[in-house]
PDBML (XML) file of the C-alpha atoms, coordinates in Angstrom:
<?xml version="1.0" encoding="UTF-8" ?>
<PDBx:datablock datablockName="MODEL"
   xmlns:PDBx="http://pdbml.pdb.org/schema/pdbx-v50.xsd"
   xmlns:xsi="http://www.w3.org/2001/XMLSchema-instance"
   xsi:schemaLocation="http://pdbml.pdb.org/schema/pdbx-v50.xsd pdbx-v50.xsd">
   <PDBx:atom_siteCategory>
      <PDBx:atom_site id="1">
         <PDBx:B_iso_or_equiv>0.00</PDBx:B_iso_or_equiv>
         <PDBx:Cartn_x>18.482</PDBx:Cartn_x>
         <PDBx:Cartn_y>33.759</PDBx:Cartn_y>
         <PDBx:Cartn_z>-8.948</PDBx:Cartn_z>
         <PDBx:auth_asym_id>A</PDBx:auth_asym_id>
         <PDBx:auth_atom_id>CA</PDBx:auth_atom_id>
         <PDBx:auth_comp_id>TYR</PDBx:auth_comp_id>
         <PDBx:auth_seq_id>1</PDBx:auth_seq_id>
         <PDBx:group_PDB>ATOM</PDBx:group_PDB>
         <PDBx:label_alt_id xsi:nil="true" />
         <PDBx:label_asym_id>A</PDBx:label_asym_id>
         <PDBx:label_atom_id>CA</PDBx:label_atom_id>
         <PDBx:label_comp_id>TYR</PDBx:label_comp_id>
         <PDBx:label_entity_id>1</PDBx:label_entity_id>
         <PDBx:label_seq_id>1</PDBx:label_seq_id>
         <PDBx:occupancy>1.00</PDBx:occupancy>
         <PDBx:pdbx_PDB_model_num>1</PDBx:pdbx_PDB_model_num>
         <PDBx:type_symbol>C</PDBx:type_symbol>
      </PDBx:atom_site>
      <PDBx:atom_site id="2">
         <PDBx:B_iso_or_equiv>0.00</PDBx:B_iso_or_equiv>
         <PDBx:Cartn_x>18.572</PDBx:Cartn_x>
         <PDBx:Cartn_y>36.241</PDBx:Cartn_y>
         <PDBx:Cartn_z>-5.941</PDBx:Cartn_z>
         <PDBx:auth_asym_id>A</PDBx:auth_asym_id>
         <PDBx:auth_atom_id>CA</PDBx:auth_atom_id>
         <PDBx:auth_comp_id>ALA</PDBx:auth_comp_id>
         <PDBx:auth_seq_id>2</PDBx:auth_seq_id>
         <PDBx:group_PDB>ATOM</PDBx:group_PDB>
         <PDBx:label_alt_id xsi:nil="true" />
         <PDBx:label_asym_id>A</PDBx:label_asym_id>
         <PDBx:label_atom_id>CA</PDBx:label_atom_id>
         <PDBx:label_comp_id>ALA</PDBx:label_comp_id>
         <PDBx:label_entity_id>1</PDBx:label_entity_id>
         <PDBx:label_seq_id>2</PDBx:label_seq_id>
         <PDBx:occupancy>1.00</PDBx:occupancy>
         <PDBx:pdbx_PDB_model_num>1</PDBx:pdbx_PDB_model_num>
         <PDBx:type_symbol>C</PDBx:type_symbol>
      </PDBx:atom_site>
      <PDBx:atom_site id="3">
         <PDBx:B_iso_or_equiv>0.00</PDBx:B_iso_or_equiv>
         <PDBx:Cartn_x>18.495</PDBx:Cartn_x>
         <PDBx:Cartn_y>40.168</PDBx:Cartn_y>
         <PDBx:Cartn_z>-6.003</PDBx:Cartn_z>
         <PDBx:auth_asym_id>A</PDBx:auth_asym_id>
         <PDBx:auth_atom_id>CA</PDBx:auth_atom_id>
         <PDBx:auth_comp_id>ILE</PDBx:auth_comp_id>
         <PDBx:auth_seq_id>3</PDBx:auth_seq_id>
         <PDBx:group_PDB>ATOM</PDBx:group_PDB>
         <PDBx:label_alt_id xsi:nil="true" />
         <PDBx:label_asym_id>A</PDBx:label_asym_id>
         <PDBx:label_atom_id>CA</PDBx:label_atom_id>
         <PDBx:label_comp_id>ILE</PDBx:label_comp_id>
         <PDBx:label_entity_id>1</PDBx:label_entity_id>
         <PDBx:label_seq_id>3</PDBx:label_seq_id>
         <PDBx:occupancy>1.00</PDBx:occupancy>
         <PDBx:pdbx_PDB_model_num>1</PDBx:pdbx_PDB_model_num>
         <PDBx:type_symbol>C</PDBx:type_symbol>
      </PDBx:atom_site>
      <PDBx:atom_site id="4">
         <PDBx:B_iso_or_equiv>0.00</PDBx:B_iso_or_equiv>
         <PDBx:Cartn_x>22.416</PDBx:Cartn_x>
         <PDBx:Cartn_y>41.369</PDBx:Cartn_y>
         <PDBx:Cartn_z>-5.509</PDBx:Cartn_z>
         <PDBx:auth_asym_id>A</PDBx:auth_asym_id>
         <PDBx:auth_atom_id>CA</PDBx:auth_atom_id>
         <PDBx:auth_comp_id>ASP</PDBx:auth_comp_id>
         <PDBx:auth_seq_id>4</PDBx:auth_seq_id>
         <PDBx:group_PDB>ATOM</PDBx:group_PDB>
         <PDBx:label_alt_id xsi:nil="true" />
         <PDBx:label_asym_id>A</PDBx:label_asym_id>
         <PDBx:label_atom_id>CA</PDBx:label_atom_id>
         <PDBx:label_comp_id>ASP</PDBx:label_comp_id>
         <PDBx:label_entity_id>1</PDBx:label_entity_id>
         <PDBx:label_seq_id>4</PDBx:label_seq_id>
         <PDBx:occupancy>1.00</PDBx:occupancy>
         <PDBx:pdbx_PDB_model_num>1</PDBx:pdbx_PDB_model_num>
         <PDBx:type_symbol>C</PDBx:type_symbol>
      </PDBx:atom_site>
      <PDBx:atom_site id="5">
         <PDBx:B_iso_or_equiv>0.00</PDBx:B_iso_or_equiv>
         <PDBx:Cartn_x>20.819</PDBx:Cartn_x>
         <PDBx:Cartn_y>44.802</PDBx:Cartn_y>
         <PDBx:Cartn_z>-3.853</PDBx:Cartn_z>
         <PDBx:auth_asym_id>A</PDBx:auth_asym_id>
         <PDBx:auth_atom_id>CA</PDBx:auth_atom_id>
         <PDBx:auth_comp_id>ARG</PDBx:auth_comp_id>
         <PDBx:auth_seq_id>5</PDBx:auth_seq_id>
         <PDBx:group_PDB>ATOM</PDBx:group_PDB>
         <PDBx:label_alt_id xsi:nil="true" />
         <PDBx:label_asym_id>A</PDBx:label_asym_id>
         <PDBx:label_atom_id>CA</PDBx:label_atom_id>
         <PDBx:label_comp_id>ARG</PDBx:label_comp_id>
         <PDBx:label_entity_id>1</PDBx:label_entity_id>
         <PDBx:label_seq_id>5</PDBx:label_seq_id>
         <PDBx:occupancy>1.00</PDBx:occupancy>
         <PDBx:pdbx_PDB_model_num>1</PDBx:pdbx_PDB_model_num>
         <PDBx:type_symbol>C</PDBx:type_symbol>
      </PDBx:atom_site>
      <PDBx:atom_site id="6">
         <PDBx:B_iso_or_equiv>0.00</PDBx:B_iso_or_equiv>
         <PDBx:Cartn_x>24.324</PDBx:Cartn_x>
         <PDBx:Cartn_y>46.699</PDBx:Cartn_y>
         <PDBx:Cartn_z>-3.719</PDBx:Cartn_z>
         <PDBx:auth_asym_id>A</PDBx:auth_asym_id>
         <PDBx:auth_atom_id>CA</PDBx:auth_atom_id>
         <PDBx:auth_comp_id>ARG</PDBx:auth_comp_id>
         <PDBx:auth_seq_id>6</PDBx:auth_seq_id>
         <PDBx:group_PDB>ATOM</PDBx:group_PDB>
         <PDBx:label_alt_id xsi:nil="true" />
         <PDBx:label_asym_id>A</PDBx:label_asym_id>
         <PDBx:label_atom_id>CA</PDBx:label_atom_id>
         <PDBx:label_comp_id>ARG</PDBx:label_comp_id>
         <PDBx:label_entity_id>1</PDBx:label_entity_id>
         <PDBx:label_seq_id>6</PDBx:label_seq_id>
         <PDBx:occupancy>1.00</PDBx:occupancy>
         <PDBx:pdbx_PDB_model_num>1</PDBx:pdbx_PDB_model_num>
         <PDBx:type_symbol>C</PDBx:type_symbol>
      </PDBx:atom_site>
      <PDBx:atom_site id="7">
         <PDBx:B_iso_or_equiv>0.00</PDBx:B_iso_or_equiv>
         <PDBx:Cartn_x>24.291</PDBx:Cartn_x>
         <PDBx:Cartn_y>46.102</PDBx:Cartn_y>
         <PDBx:Cartn_z>-7.649</PDBx:Cartn_z>
         <PDBx:auth_asym_id>A</PDBx:auth_asym_id>
         <PDBx:auth_atom_id>CA</PDBx:auth_atom_id>
         <PDBx:auth_comp_id>ASN</PDBx:auth_comp_id>
         <PDBx:auth_seq_id>7</PDBx:auth_seq_id>
         <PDBx:group_PDB>ATOM</PDBx:group_PDB>
         <PDBx:label_alt_id xsi:nil="true" />
         <PDBx:label_asym_id>A</PDBx:label_asym_id>
         <PDBx:label_atom_id>CA</PDBx:label_atom_id>
         <PDBx:label_comp_id>ASN</PDBx:label_comp_id>
         <PDBx:label_entity_id>1</PDBx:label_entity_id>
         <PDBx:label_seq_id>7</PDBx:label_seq_id>
         <PDBx:occupancy>1.00</PDBx:occupancy>
         <PDBx:pdbx_PDB_model_num>1</PDBx:pdbx_PDB_model_num>
         <PDBx:type_symbol>C</PDBx:type_symbol>
      </PDBx:atom_site>
      <PDBx:atom_site id="8">
         <PDBx:B_iso_or_equiv>0.00</PDBx:B_iso_or_equiv>
         <PDBx:Cartn_x>20.984</PDBx:Cartn_x>
         <PDBx:Cartn_y>47.228</PDBx:Cartn_y>
         <PDBx:Cartn_z>-8.324</PDBx:Cartn_z>
         <PDBx:auth_asym_id>A</PDBx:auth_asym_id>
         <PDBx:auth_atom_id>CA</PDBx:auth_atom_id>
         <PDBx:auth_comp_id>SER</PDBx:auth_comp_id>
         <PDBx:auth_seq_id>8</PDBx:auth_seq_id>
         <PDBx:group_PDB>ATOM</PDBx:group_PDB>
         <PDBx:label_alt_id xsi:nil="true" />
         <PDBx:label_asym_id>A</PDBx:label_asym_id>
         <PDBx:label_atom_id>CA</PDBx:label_atom_id>
         <PDBx:label_comp_id>SER</PDBx:label_comp_id>
         <PDBx:label_entity_id>1</PDBx:label_entity_id>
         <PDBx:label_seq_id>8</PDBx:label_seq_id>
         <PDBx:occupancy>1.00</PDBx:occupancy>
         <PDBx:pdbx_PDB_model_num>1</PDBx:pdbx_PDB_model_num>
         <PDBx:type_symbol>C</PDBx:type_symbol>
      </PDBx:atom_site>
      <PDBx:atom_site id="9">
         <PDBx:B_iso_or_equiv>0.00</PDBx:B_iso_or_equiv>
         <PDBx:Cartn_x>19.694</PDBx:Cartn_x>
         <PDBx:Cartn_y>50.742</PDBx:Cartn_y>
         <PDBx:Cartn_z>-8.646</PDBx:Cartn_z>
         <PDBx:auth_asym_id>A</PDBx:auth_asym_id>
         <PDBx:auth_atom_id>CA</PDBx:auth_atom_id>
         <PDBx:auth_comp_id>SER</PDBx:auth_comp_id>
         <PDBx:auth_seq_id>9</PDBx:auth_seq_id>
         <PDBx:group_PDB>ATOM</PDBx:group_PDB>
         <PDBx:label_alt_id xsi:nil="true" />
         <PDBx:label_asym_id>A</PDBx:label_asym_id>
         <PDBx:label_atom_id>CA</PDBx:label_atom_id>
         <PDBx:label_comp_id>SER</PDBx:label_comp_id>
         <PDBx:label_entity_id>1</PDBx:label_entity_id>
         <PDBx:label_seq_id>9</PDBx:label_seq_id>
         <PDBx:occupancy>1.00</PDBx:occupancy>
         <PDBx:pdbx_PDB_model_num>1</PDBx:pdbx_PDB_model_num>
         <PDBx:type_symbol>C</PDBx:type_symbol>
      </PDBx:atom_site>
      <PDBx:atom_site id="10">
         <PDBx:B_iso_or_equiv>0.00</PDBx:B_iso_or_equiv>
         <PDBx:Cartn_x>16.634</PDBx:Cartn_x>
         <PDBx:Cartn_y>52.724</PDBx:Cartn_y>
         <PDBx:Cartn_z>-9.142</PDBx:Cartn_z>
         <PDBx:auth_asym_id>A</PDBx:auth_asym_id>
         <PDBx:auth_atom_id>CA</PDBx:auth_atom_id>
         <PDBx:auth_comp_id>ARG</PDBx:auth_comp_id>
         <PDBx:auth_seq_id>10</PDBx:auth_seq_id>
         <PDBx:group_PDB>ATOM</PDBx:group_PDB>
         <PDBx:label_alt_id xsi:nil="true" />
         <PDBx:label_asym_id>A</PDBx:label_asym_id>
         <PDBx:label_atom_id>CA</PDBx:label_atom_id>
         <PDBx:label_comp_id>ARG</PDBx:label_comp_id>
         <PDBx:label_entity_id>1</PDBx:label_entity_id>
         <PDBx:label_seq_id>10</PDBx:label_seq_id>
         <PDBx:occupancy>1.00</PDBx:occupancy>
         <PDBx:pdbx_PDB_model_num>1</PDBx:pdbx_PDB_model_num>
         <PDBx:type_symbol>C</PDBx:type_symbol>
      </PDBx:atom_site>
      <PDBx:atom_site id="11">
         <PDBx:B_iso_or_equiv>0.00</PDBx:B_iso_or_equiv>
         <PDBx:Cartn_x>16.218</PDBx:Cartn_x>
         <PDBx:Cartn_y>51.374</PDBx:Cartn_y>
         <PDBx:Cartn_z>-13.242</PDBx:Cartn_z>
         <PDBx:auth_asym_id>A</PDBx:auth_asym_id>
         <PDBx:auth_atom_id>CA</PDBx:auth_atom_id>
         <PDBx:auth_comp_id>ARG</PDBx:auth_comp_id>
         <PDBx:auth_seq_id>11</PDBx:auth_seq_id>
         <PDBx:group_PDB>ATOM</PDBx:group_PDB>
         <PDBx:label_alt_id xsi:nil="true" />
         <PDBx:label_asym_id>A</PDBx:label_asym_id>
         <PDBx:label_atom_id>CA</PDBx:label_atom_id>
         <PDBx:label_comp_id>ARG</PDBx:label_comp_id>
         <PDBx:label_entity_id>1</PDBx:label_entity_id>
         <PDBx:label_seq_id>11</PDBx:label_seq_id>
         <PDBx:occupancy>1.00</PDBx:occupancy>
         <PDBx:pdbx_PDB_model_num>1</PDBx:pdbx_PDB_model_num>
         <PDBx:type_symbol>C</PDBx:type_symbol>
      </PDBx:atom_site>
      <PDBx:atom_site id="12">
         <PDBx:B_iso_or_equiv>0.00</PDBx:B_iso_or_equiv>
         <PDBx:Cartn_x>17.861</PDBx:Cartn_x>
         <PDBx:Cartn_y>48.289</PDBx:Cartn_y>
         <PDBx:Cartn_z>-13.278</PDBx:Cartn_z>
         <PDBx:auth_asym_id>A</PDBx:auth_asym_id>
         <PDBx:auth_atom_id>CA</PDBx:auth_atom_id>
         <PDBx:auth_comp_id>SER</PDBx:auth_comp_id>
         <PDBx:auth_seq_id>12</PDBx:auth_seq_id>
         <PDBx:group_PDB>ATOM</PDBx:group_PDB>
         <PDBx:label_alt_id xsi:nil="true" />
         <PDBx:label_asym_id>A</PDBx:label_asym_id>
         <PDBx:label_atom_id>CA</PDBx:label_atom_id>
         <PDBx:label_comp_id>SER</PDBx:label_comp_id>
         <PDBx:label_entity_id>1</PDBx:label_entity_id>
         <PDBx:label_seq_id>12</PDBx:label_seq_id>
         <PDBx:occupancy>1.00</PDBx:occupancy>
         <PDBx:pdbx_PDB_model_num>1</PDBx:pdbx_PDB_model_num>
         <PDBx:type_symbol>C</PDBx:type_symbol>
      </PDBx:atom_site>
      <PDBx:atom_site id="13">
         <PDBx:B_iso_or_equiv>0.00</PDBx:B_iso_or_equiv>
         <PDBx:Cartn_x>17.807</PDBx:Cartn_x>
         <PDBx:Cartn_y>44.940</PDBx:Cartn_y>
         <PDBx:Cartn_z>-11.033</PDBx:Cartn_z>
         <PDBx:auth_asym_id>A</PDBx:auth_asym_id>
         <PDBx:auth_atom_id>CA</PDBx:auth_atom_id>
         <PDBx:auth_comp_id>VAL</PDBx:auth_comp_id>
         <PDBx:auth_seq_id>13</PDBx:auth_seq_id>
         <PDBx:group_PDB>ATOM</PDBx:group_PDB>
         <PDBx:label_alt_id xsi:nil="true" />
         <PDBx:label_asym_id>A</PDBx:label_asym_id>
         <PDBx:label_atom_id>CA</PDBx:label_atom_id>
         <PDBx:label_comp_id>VAL</PDBx:label_comp_id>
         <PDBx:label_entity_id>1</PDBx:label_entity_id>
         <PDBx:label_seq_id>13</PDBx:label_seq_id>
         <PDBx:occupancy>1.00</PDBx:occupancy>
         <PDBx:pdbx_PDB_model_num>1</PDBx:pdbx_PDB_model_num>
         <PDBx:type_symbol>C</PDBx:type_symbol>
      </PDBx:atom_site>
      <PDBx:atom_site id="14">
         <PDBx:B_iso_or_equiv>0.00</PDBx:B_iso_or_equiv>
         <PDBx:Cartn_x>21.346</PDBx:Cartn_x>
         <PDBx:Cartn_y>42.741</PDBx:Cartn_y>
         <PDBx:Cartn_z>-10.413</PDBx:Cartn_z>
         <PDBx:auth_asym_id>A</PDBx:auth_asym_id>
         <PDBx:auth_atom_id>CA</PDBx:auth_atom_id>
         <PDBx:auth_comp_id>ALA</PDBx:auth_comp_id>
         <PDBx:auth_seq_id>14</PDBx:auth_seq_id>
         <PDBx:group_PDB>ATOM</PDBx:group_PDB>
         <PDBx:label_alt_id xsi:nil="true" />
         <PDBx:label_asym_id>A</PDBx:label_asym_id>
         <PDBx:label_atom_id>CA</PDBx:label_atom_id>
         <PDBx:label_comp_id>ALA</PDBx:label_comp_id>
         <PDBx:label_entity_id>1</PDBx:label_entity_id>
         <PDBx:label_seq_id>14</PDBx:label_seq_id>
         <PDBx:occupancy>1.00</PDBx:occupancy>
         <PDBx:pdbx_PDB_model_num>1</PDBx:pdbx_PDB_model_num>
         <PDBx:type_symbol>C</PDBx:type_symbol>
      </PDBx:atom_site>
      <PDBx:atom_site id="15">
         <PDBx:B_iso_or_equiv>0.00</PDBx:B_iso_or_equiv>
         <PDBx:Cartn_x>20.415</PDBx:Cartn_x>
         <PDBx:Cartn_y>39.058</PDBx:Cartn_y>
         <PDBx:Cartn_z>-9.800</PDBx:Cartn_z>
         <PDBx:auth_asym_id>A</PDBx:auth_asym_id>
         <PDBx:auth_atom_id>CA</PDBx:auth_atom_id>
         <PDBx:auth_comp_id>MET</PDBx:auth_comp_id>
         <PDBx:auth_seq_id>15</PDBx:auth_seq_id>
         <PDBx:group_PDB>ATOM</PDBx:group_PDB>
         <PDBx:label_alt_id xsi:nil="true" />
         <PDBx:label_asym_id>A</PDBx:label_asym_id>
         <PDBx:label_atom_id>CA</PDBx:label_atom_id>
         <PDBx:label_comp_id>MET</PDBx:label_comp_id>
         <PDBx:label_entity_id>1</PDBx:label_entity_id>
         <PDBx:label_seq_id>15</PDBx:label_seq_id>
         <PDBx:occupancy>1.00</PDBx:occupancy>
         <PDBx:pdbx_PDB_model_num>1</PDBx:pdbx_PDB_model_num>
         <PDBx:type_symbol>C</PDBx:type_symbol>
      </PDBx:atom_site>
      <PDBx:atom_site id="16">
         <PDBx:B_iso_or_equiv>0.00</PDBx:B_iso_or_equiv>
         <PDBx:Cartn_x>23.300</PDBx:Cartn_x>
         <PDBx:Cartn_y>36.431</PDBx:Cartn_y>
         <PDBx:Cartn_z>-9.328</PDBx:Cartn_z>
         <PDBx:auth_asym_id>A</PDBx:auth_asym_id>
         <PDBx:auth_atom_id>CA</PDBx:auth_atom_id>
         <PDBx:auth_comp_id>LYS</PDBx:auth_comp_id>
         <PDBx:auth_seq_id>16</PDBx:auth_seq_id>
         <PDBx:group_PDB>ATOM</PDBx:group_PDB>
         <PDBx:label_alt_id xsi:nil="true" />
         <PDBx:label_asym_id>A</PDBx:label_asym_id>
         <PDBx:label_atom_id>CA</PDBx:label_atom_id>
         <PDBx:label_comp_id>LYS</PDBx:label_comp_id>
         <PDBx:label_entity_id>1</PDBx:label_entity_id>
         <PDBx:label_seq_id>16</PDBx:label_seq_id>
         <PDBx:occupancy>1.00</PDBx:occupancy>
         <PDBx:pdbx_PDB_model_num>1</PDBx:pdbx_PDB_model_num>
         <PDBx:type_symbol>C</PDBx:type_symbol>
      </PDBx:atom_site>
      <PDBx:atom_site id="17">
         <PDBx:B_iso_or_equiv>0.00</PDBx:B_iso_or_equiv>
         <PDBx:Cartn_x>22.768</PDBx:Cartn_x>
         <PDBx:Cartn_y>32.693</PDBx:Cartn_y>
         <PDBx:Cartn_z>-9.220</PDBx:Cartn_z>
         <PDBx:auth_asym_id>A</PDBx:auth_asym_id>
         <PDBx:auth_atom_id>CA</PDBx:auth_atom_id>
         <PDBx:auth_comp_id>HIS</PDBx:auth_comp_id>
         <PDBx:auth_seq_id>17</PDBx:auth_seq_id>
         <PDBx:group_PDB>ATOM</PDBx:group_PDB>
         <PDBx:label_alt_id xsi:nil="true" />
         <PDBx:label_asym_id>A</PDBx:label_asym_id>
         <PDBx:label_atom_id>CA</PDBx:label_atom_id>
         <PDBx:label_comp_id>HIS</PDBx:label_comp_id>
         <PDBx:label_entity_id>1</PDBx:label_entity_id>
         <PDBx:label_seq_id>17</PDBx:label_seq_id>
         <PDBx:occupancy>1.00</PDBx:occupancy>
         <PDBx:pdbx_PDB_model_num>1</PDBx:pdbx_PDB_model_num>
         <PDBx:type_symbol>C</PDBx:type_symbol>
      </PDBx:atom_site>
      <PDBx:atom_site id="18">
         <PDBx:B_iso_or_equiv>0.00</PDBx:B_iso_or_equiv>
         <PDBx:Cartn_x>24.512</PDBx:Cartn_x>
         <PDBx:Cartn_y>30.224</PDBx:Cartn_y>
         <PDBx:Cartn_z>-7.848</PDBx:Cartn_z>
         <PDBx:auth_asym_id>A</PDBx:auth_asym_id>
         <PDBx:auth_atom_id>CA</PDBx:auth_atom_id>
         <PDBx:auth_comp_id>THR</PDBx:auth_comp_id>
         <PDBx:auth_seq_id>18</PDBx:auth_seq_id>
         <PDBx:group_PDB>ATOM</PDBx:group_PDB>
         <PDBx:label_alt_id xsi:nil="true" />
         <PDBx:label_asym_id>A</PDBx:label_asym_id>
         <PDBx:label_atom_id>CA</PDBx:label_atom_id>
         <PDBx:label_comp_id>THR</PDBx:label_comp_id>
         <PDBx:label_entity_id>1</PDBx:label_entity_id>
         <PDBx:label_seq_id>18</PDBx:label_seq_id>
         <PDBx:occupancy>1.00</PDBx:occupancy>
         <PDBx:pdbx_PDB_model_num>1</PDBx:pdbx_PDB_model_num>
         <PDBx:type_symbol>C</PDBx:type_symbol>
      </PDBx:atom_site>
      <PDBx:atom_site id="19">
         <PDBx:B_iso_or_equiv>0.00</PDBx:B_iso_or_equiv>
         <PDBx:Cartn_x>26.436</PDBx:Cartn_x>
         <PDBx:Cartn_y>28.666</PDBx:Cartn_y>
         <PDBx:Cartn_z>-11.315</PDBx:Cartn_z>
         <PDBx:auth_asym_id>A</PDBx:auth_asym_id>
         <PDBx:auth_atom_id>CA</PDBx:auth_atom_id>
         <PDBx:auth_comp_id>ASN</PDBx:auth_comp_id>
         <PDBx:auth_seq_id>19</PDBx:auth_seq_id>
         <PDBx:group_PDB>ATOM</PDBx:group_PDB>
         <PDBx:label_alt_id xsi:nil="true" />
         <PDBx:label_asym_id>A</PDBx:label_asym_id>
         <PDBx:label_atom_id>CA</PDBx:label_atom_id>
         <PDBx:label_comp_id>ASN</PDBx:label_comp_id>
         <PDBx:label_entity_id>1</PDBx:label_entity_id>
         <PDBx:label_seq_id>19</PDBx:label_seq_id>
         <PDBx:occupancy>1.00</PDBx:occupancy>
         <PDBx:pdbx_PDB_model_num>1</PDBx:pdbx_PDB_model_num>
         <PDBx:type_symbol>C</PDBx:type_symbol>
      </PDBx:atom_site>
      <PDBx:atom_site id="20">
         <PDBx:B_iso_or_equiv>0.00</PDBx:B_iso_or_equiv>
         <PDBx:Cartn_x>28.318</PDBx:Cartn_x>
         <PDBx:Cartn_y>32.403</PDBx:Cartn_y>
         <PDBx:Cartn_z>-11.787</PDBx:Cartn_z>
         <PDBx:auth_asym_id>A</PDBx:auth_asym_id>
         <PDBx:auth_atom_id>CA</PDBx:auth_atom_id>
         <PDBx:auth_comp_id>GLY</PDBx:auth_comp_id>
         <PDBx:auth_seq_id>20</PDBx:auth_seq_id>
         <PDBx:group_PDB>ATOM</PDBx:group_PDB>
         <PDBx:label_alt_id xsi:nil="true" />
         <PDBx:label_asym_id>A</PDBx:label_asym_id>
         <PDBx:label_atom_id>CA</PDBx:label_atom_id>
         <PDBx:label_comp_id>GLY</PDBx:label_comp_id>
         <PDBx:label_entity_id>1</PDBx:label_entity_id>
         <PDBx:label_seq_id>20</PDBx:label_seq_id>
         <PDBx:occupancy>1.00</PDBx:occupancy>
         <PDBx:pdbx_PDB_model_num>1</PDBx:pdbx_PDB_model_num>
         <PDBx:type_symbol>C</PDBx:type_symbol>
      </PDBx:atom_site>
      <PDBx:atom_site id="21">
         <PDBx:B_iso_or_equiv>0.00</PDBx:B_iso_or_equiv>
         <PDBx:Cartn_x>25.420</PDBx:Cartn_x>
         <PDBx:Cartn_y>33.853</PDBx:Cartn_y>
         <PDBx:Cartn_z>-14.099</PDBx:Cartn_z>
         <PDBx:auth_asym_id>A</PDBx:auth_asym_id>
         <PDBx:auth_atom_id>CA</PDBx:auth_atom_id>
         <PDBx:auth_comp_id>ASP</PDBx:auth_comp_id>
         <PDBx:auth_seq_id>21</PDBx:auth_seq_id>
         <PDBx:group_PDB>ATOM</PDBx:group_PDB>
         <PDBx:label_alt_id xsi:nil="true" />
         <PDBx:label_asym_id>A</PDBx:label_asym_id>
         <PDBx:label_atom_id>CA</PDBx:label_atom_id>
         <PDBx:label_comp_id>ASP</PDBx:label_comp_id>
         <PDBx:label_entity_id>1</PDBx:label_entity_id>
         <PDBx:label_seq_id>21</PDBx:label_seq_id>
         <PDBx:occupancy>1.00</PDBx:occupancy>
         <PDBx:pdbx_PDB_model_num>1</PDBx:pdbx_PDB_model_num>
         <PDBx:type_symbol>C</PDBx:type_symbol>
      </PDBx:atom_site>
      <PDBx:atom_site id="22">
         <PDBx:B_iso_or_equiv>0.00</PDBx:B_iso_or_equiv>
         <PDBx:Cartn_x>24.720</PDBx:Cartn_x>
         <PDBx:Cartn_y>37.495</PDBx:Cartn_y>
         <PDBx:Cartn_z>-13.430</PDBx:Cartn_z>
         <PDBx:auth_asym_id>A</PDBx:auth_asym_id>
         <PDBx:auth_atom_id>CA</PDBx:auth_atom_id>
         <PDBx:auth_comp_id>LYS</PDBx:auth_comp_id>
         <PDBx:auth_seq_id>22</PDBx:auth_seq_id>
         <PDBx:group_PDB>ATOM</PDBx:group_PDB>
         <PDBx:label_alt_id xsi:nil="true" />
         <PDBx:label_asym_id>A</PDBx:label_asym_id>
         <PDBx:label_atom_id>CA</PDBx:label_atom_id>
         <PDBx:label_comp_id>LYS</PDBx:label_comp_id>
         <PDBx:label_entity_id>1</PDBx:label_entity_id>
         <PDBx:label_seq_id>22</PDBx:label_seq_id>
         <PDBx:occupancy>1.00</PDBx:occupancy>
         <PDBx:pdbx_PDB_model_num>1</PDBx:pdbx_PDB_model_num>
         <PDBx:type_symbol>C</PDBx:type_symbol>
      </PDBx:atom_site>
      <PDBx:atom_site id="23">
         <PDBx:B_iso_or_equiv>0.00</PDBx:B_iso_or_equiv>
         <PDBx:Cartn_x>21.894</PDBx:Cartn_x>
         <PDBx:Cartn_y>39.123</PDBx:Cartn_y>
         <PDBx:Cartn_z>-14.957</PDBx:Cartn_z>
         <PDBx:auth_asym_id>A</PDBx:auth_asym_id>
         <PDBx:auth_atom_id>CA</PDBx:auth_atom_id>
         <PDBx:auth_comp_id>LEU</PDBx:auth_comp_id>
         <PDBx:auth_seq_id>23</PDBx:auth_seq_id>
         <PDBx:group_PDB>ATOM</PDBx:group_PDB>
         <PDBx:label_alt_id xsi:nil="true" />
         <PDBx:label_asym_id>A</PDBx:label_asym_id>
         <PDBx:label_atom_id>CA</PDBx:label_atom_id>
         <PDBx:label_comp_id>LEU</PDBx:label_comp_id>
         <PDBx:label_entity_id>1</PDBx:label_entity_id>
         <PDBx:label_seq_id>23</PDBx:label_seq_id>
         <PDBx:occupancy>1.00</PDBx:occupancy>
         <PDBx:pdbx_PDB_model_num>1</PDBx:pdbx_PDB_model_num>
         <PDBx:type_symbol>C</PDBx:type_symbol>
      </PDBx:atom_site>
      <PDBx:atom_site id="24">
         <PDBx:B_iso_or_equiv>0.00</PDBx:B_iso_or_equiv>
         <PDBx:Cartn_x>20.610</PDBx:Cartn_x>
         <PDBx:Cartn_y>42.847</PDBx:Cartn_y>
         <PDBx:Cartn_z>-15.199</PDBx:Cartn_z>
         <PDBx:auth_asym_id>A</PDBx:auth_asym_id>
         <PDBx:auth_atom_id>CA</PDBx:auth_atom_id>
         <PDBx:auth_comp_id>ILE</PDBx:auth_comp_id>
         <PDBx:auth_seq_id>24</PDBx:auth_seq_id>
         <PDBx:group_PDB>ATOM</PDBx:group_PDB>
         <PDBx:label_alt_id xsi:nil="true" />
         <PDBx:label_asym_id>A</PDBx:label_asym_id>
         <PDBx:label_atom_id>CA</PDBx:label_atom_id>
         <PDBx:label_comp_id>ILE</PDBx:label_comp_id>
         <PDBx:label_entity_id>1</PDBx:label_entity_id>
         <PDBx:label_seq_id>24</PDBx:label_seq_id>
         <PDBx:occupancy>1.00</PDBx:occupancy>
         <PDBx:pdbx_PDB_model_num>1</PDBx:pdbx_PDB_model_num>
         <PDBx:type_symbol>C</PDBx:type_symbol>
      </PDBx:atom_site>
      <PDBx:atom_site id="25">
         <PDBx:B_iso_or_equiv>0.00</PDBx:B_iso_or_equiv>
         <PDBx:Cartn_x>17.212</PDBx:Cartn_x>
         <PDBx:Cartn_y>43.424</PDBx:Cartn_y>
         <PDBx:Cartn_z>-15.688</PDBx:Cartn_z>
         <PDBx:auth_asym_id>A</PDBx:auth_asym_id>
         <PDBx:auth_atom_id>CA</PDBx:auth_atom_id>
         <PDBx:auth_comp_id>VAL</PDBx:auth_comp_id>
         <PDBx:auth_seq_id>25</PDBx:auth_seq_id>
         <PDBx:group_PDB>ATOM</PDBx:group_PDB>
         <PDBx:label_alt_id xsi:nil="true" />
         <PDBx:label_asym_id>A</PDBx:label_asym_id>
         <PDBx:label_atom_id>CA</PDBx:label_atom_id>
         <PDBx:label_comp_id>VAL</PDBx:label_comp_id>
         <PDBx:label_entity_id>1</PDBx:label_entity_id>
         <PDBx:label_seq_id>25</PDBx:label_seq_id>
         <PDBx:occupancy>1.00</PDBx:occupancy>
         <PDBx:pdbx_PDB_model_num>1</PDBx:pdbx_PDB_model_num>
         <PDBx:type_symbol>C</PDBx:type_symbol>
      </PDBx:atom_site>
   </PDBx:atom_siteCategory>
</PDBx:datablock>
């Protein structure tokens, strides 16, 4: 997974995988 900085915020990190998964941590 890689960090998606455009969709991250101070309280959560968006992370994307090449398989299409997008997780909010």
